[in-house]
């Protein structure tokens, strides 16, 4: 990892895991209020452009639209949420190539 990456680390590995579990337990029920959550993915956040990205797949477009209306513009952890629809249907192949090197 580069020195820049290490500058962004705030917790050791066990603390990071505990913080993740706290985050998950906080947001999962909120997402479920909008409908049946099929997938909930949180980026590893090693790259700054992915930091803070969360992807939620709902069972139907209607549920996704309810979540969009509920979360877009809402505040979480002193940051305003910006919700977007994503056309991803195959999560295994949904890989960001911005950080890959030839």
C-alpha atoms as a PDB file:
ATOM      1  CA  UNK A   1       0.000   0.000   0.000  1.00  0.00           C
ATOM      2  CA  UNK A   2       1.132   3.514  -0.691  1.00  0.00           C
ATOM      3  CA  UNK A   3       1.873   6.064   2.059  1.00  0.00           C
ATOM      4  CA  UNK A   4      -1.205   7.963   0.877  1.00  0.00           C
ATOM      5  CA  UNK A   5      -3.353   4.900   1.646  1.00  0.00           C
ATOM      6  CA  UNK A   6      -1.930   4.638   5.153  1.00  0.00           C
ATOM      7  CA  UNK A   7      -2.675   8.307   5.791  1.00  0.00           C
ATOM      8  CA  UNK A   8      -6.377   7.503   5.428  1.00  0.00           C
ATOM      9  CA  UNK A   9      -6.358   4.643   7.949  1.00  0.00           C
ATOM     10  CA  UNK A  10      -7.979   5.621  11.225  1.00  0.00           C
ATOM     11  CA  UNK A  11      -8.275   2.228  12.923  1.00  0.00           C
ATOM     12  CA  UNK A  12      -6.308  -0.979  13.230  1.00  0.00           C
ATOM     13  CA  UNK A  13      -7.840  -4.083  11.623  1.00  0.00           C
ATOM     14  CA  UNK A  14      -9.884  -5.219  14.645  1.00  0.00           C
ATOM     15  CA  UNK A  15     -11.177  -1.698  15.312  1.00  0.00           C
ATOM     16  CA  UNK A  16     -12.094  -1.310  11.645  1.00  0.00           C
ATOM     17  CA  UNK A  17     -14.062  -4.561  11.783  1.00  0.00           C
ATOM     18  CA  UNK A  18     -15.901  -3.428  14.941  1.00  0.00           C
ATOM     19  CA  UNK A  19     -16.742  -0.090  13.293  1.00  0.00           C
ATOM     20  CA  UNK A  20     -17.999  -1.925  10.216  1.00  0.00           C
ATOM     21  CA  UNK A  21     -20.257  -4.175  12.314  1.00  0.00           C
ATOM     22  CA  UNK A  22     -21.642  -1.098  14.111  1.00  0.00           C
ATOM     23  CA  UNK A  23     -22.268   0.583  10.750  1.00  0.00           C
ATOM     24  CA  UNK A  24     -23.943  -2.524   9.312  1.00  0.00           C
ATOM     25  CA  UNK A  25     -26.226  -2.944  12.331  1.00  0.00           C
ATOM     26  CA  UNK A  26     -27.166   0.724  12.033  1.00  0.00           C
ATOM     27  CA  UNK A  27     -27.937   0.908   8.313  1.00  0.00           C
ATOM     28  CA  UNK A  28     -29.346  -2.546   7.459  1.00  0.00           C
ATOM     29  CA  UNK A  29     -32.631  -2.001   9.349  1.00  0.00           C
ATOM     30  CA  UNK A  30     -32.982   1.460   7.811  1.00  0.00           C
ATOM     31  CA  UNK A  31     -32.606   0.000   4.305  1.00  0.00           C
ATOM     32  CA  UNK A  32     -35.088  -2.777   5.127  1.00  0.00           C
ATOM     33  CA  UNK A  33     -37.744  -0.167   5.922  1.00  0.00           C
ATOM     34  CA  UNK A  34     -37.955   0.482   2.169  1.00  0.00           C
ATOM     35  CA  UNK A  35     -38.304  -3.180   1.151  1.00  0.00           C
ATOM     36  CA  UNK A  36     -36.679  -6.563   0.740  1.00  0.00           C
ATOM     37  CA  UNK A  37     -32.885  -6.087   0.632  1.00  0.00           C
ATOM     38  CA  UNK A  38     -31.383  -8.658  -1.742  1.00  0.00           C
ATOM     39  CA  UNK A  39     -27.757  -7.427  -1.489  1.00  0.00           C
ATOM     40  CA  UNK A  40     -26.015  -4.886   0.697  1.00  0.00           C
ATOM     41  CA  UNK A  41     -22.448  -4.170  -0.394  1.00  0.00           C
ATOM     42  CA  UNK A  42     -20.038  -1.776   1.280  1.00  0.00           C
ATOM     43  CA  UNK A  43     -16.896  -0.875  -0.649  1.00  0.00           C
ATOM     44  CA  UNK A  44     -13.574  -1.858   0.868  1.00  0.00           C
ATOM     45  CA  UNK A  45     -12.772   1.835   0.558  1.00  0.00           C
ATOM     46  CA  UNK A  46      -9.078   1.382  -0.197  1.00  0.00           C
ATOM     47  CA  UNK A  47      -9.364   3.924  -3.006  1.00  0.00           C
ATOM     48  CA  UNK A  48     -10.509   7.460  -2.166  1.00  0.00           C
ATOM     49  CA  UNK A  49     -13.056   7.533  -5.022  1.00  0.00           C
ATOM     50  CA  UNK A  50     -14.876   4.544  -3.472  1.00  0.00           C
ATOM     51  CA  UNK A  51     -14.729   5.690   0.129  1.00  0.00           C
ATOM     52  CA  UNK A  52     -18.225   5.800   1.586  1.00  0.00           C
ATOM     53  CA  UNK A  53     -19.969   3.981  -1.277  1.00  0.00           C
ATOM     54  CA  UNK A  54     -22.709   1.558  -0.317  1.00  0.00           C
ATOM     55  CA  UNK A  55     -24.745  -0.458  -2.802  1.00  0.00           C
ATOM     56  CA  UNK A  56     -28.193  -1.793  -1.946  1.00  0.00           C
ATOM     57  CA  UNK A  57     -30.139  -4.092  -4.239  1.00  0.00           C
ATOM     58  CA  UNK A  58     -33.854  -4.417  -3.630  1.00  0.00           C
ATOM     59  CA  UNK A  59     -36.212  -7.152  -4.799  1.00  0.00           C
ATOM     60  CA  UNK A  60     -38.196  -4.717  -6.942  1.00  0.00           C
ATOM     61  CA  UNK A  61     -37.830  -1.356  -8.659  1.00  0.00           C
ATOM     62  CA  UNK A  62     -40.716  -0.067  -6.531  1.00  0.00           C
ATOM     63  CA  UNK A  63     -38.765  -0.811  -3.356  1.00  0.00           C
ATOM     64  CA  UNK A  64     -35.632   0.784  -4.822  1.00  0.00           C
ATOM     65  CA  UNK A  65     -37.660   3.895  -5.675  1.00  0.00           C
ATOM     66  CA  UNK A  66     -38.972   4.056  -2.094  1.00  0.00           C
ATOM     67  CA  UNK A  67     -35.401   3.840  -0.793  1.00  0.00           C
ATOM     68  CA  UNK A  68     -34.288   6.539  -3.221  1.00  0.00           C
ATOM     69  CA  UNK A  69     -37.026   8.882  -1.970  1.00  0.00           C
ATOM     70  CA  UNK A  70     -36.221   8.062   1.652  1.00  0.00           C
ATOM     71  CA  UNK A  71     -32.410   8.379   1.538  1.00  0.00           C
ATOM     72  CA  UNK A  72     -31.515  10.901  -1.150  1.00  0.00           C
ATOM     73  CA  UNK A  73     -30.469  14.154   0.507  1.00  0.00           C
ATOM     74  CA  UNK A  74     -30.733  12.653   3.995  1.00  0.00           C
ATOM     75  CA  UNK A  75     -27.849  13.105   6.443  1.00  0.00           C
ATOM     76  CA  UNK A  76     -25.796  10.276   7.940  1.00  0.00           C
ATOM     77  CA  UNK A  77     -22.669  10.688  10.087  1.00  0.00           C
ATOM     78  CA  UNK A  78     -22.563  14.407   9.289  1.00  0.00           C
ATOM     79  CA  UNK A  79     -22.547  13.762   5.537  1.00  0.00           C
ATOM     80  CA  UNK A  80     -25.377  14.297   3.082  1.00  0.00           C
ATOM     81  CA  UNK A  81     -26.311  11.190   1.119  1.00  0.00           C
ATOM     82  CA  UNK A  82     -26.376  11.307  -2.662  1.00  0.00           C
ATOM     83  CA  UNK A  83     -28.359   8.351  -3.994  1.00  0.00           C
ATOM     84  CA  UNK A  84     -28.118   7.086  -7.566  1.00  0.00           C
ATOM     85  CA  UNK A  85     -29.655   4.149  -9.373  1.00  0.00           C
ATOM     86  CA  UNK A  86     -27.149   1.642 -10.743  1.00  0.00           C
ATOM     87  CA  UNK A  87     -27.775  -0.749 -13.647  1.00  0.00           C
ATOM     88  CA  UNK A  88     -25.652  -3.513 -12.047  1.00  0.00           C
ATOM     89  CA  UNK A  89     -27.349  -6.915 -12.146  1.00  0.00           C
ATOM     90  CA  UNK A  90     -24.321  -9.197 -11.743  1.00  0.00           C
ATOM     91  CA  UNK A  91     -22.467  -8.263  -8.555  1.00  0.00           C
ATOM     92  CA  UNK A  92     -19.619 -10.737  -9.124  1.00  0.00           C
ATOM     93  CA  UNK A  93     -18.545  -8.894 -12.262  1.00  0.00           C
ATOM     94  CA  UNK A  94     -19.162  -5.395 -10.842  1.00  0.00           C
ATOM     95  CA  UNK A  95     -15.558  -4.364 -10.371  1.00  0.00           C
ATOM     96  CA  UNK A  96     -14.267  -0.807 -10.513  1.00  0.00           C
ATOM     97  CA  UNK A  97     -11.321  -0.649 -12.897  1.00  0.00           C
ATOM     98  CA  UNK A  98     -10.204   2.864 -11.887  1.00  0.00           C
ATOM     99  CA  UNK A  99      -7.512   1.525  -9.571  1.00  0.00           C
ATOM    100  CA  UNK A 100      -6.205  -1.244 -11.831  1.00  0.00           C
ATOM    101  CA  UNK A 101      -2.807  -1.033 -13.429  1.00  0.00           C
ATOM    102  CA  UNK A 102      -1.637  -2.470 -16.748  1.00  0.00           C
END
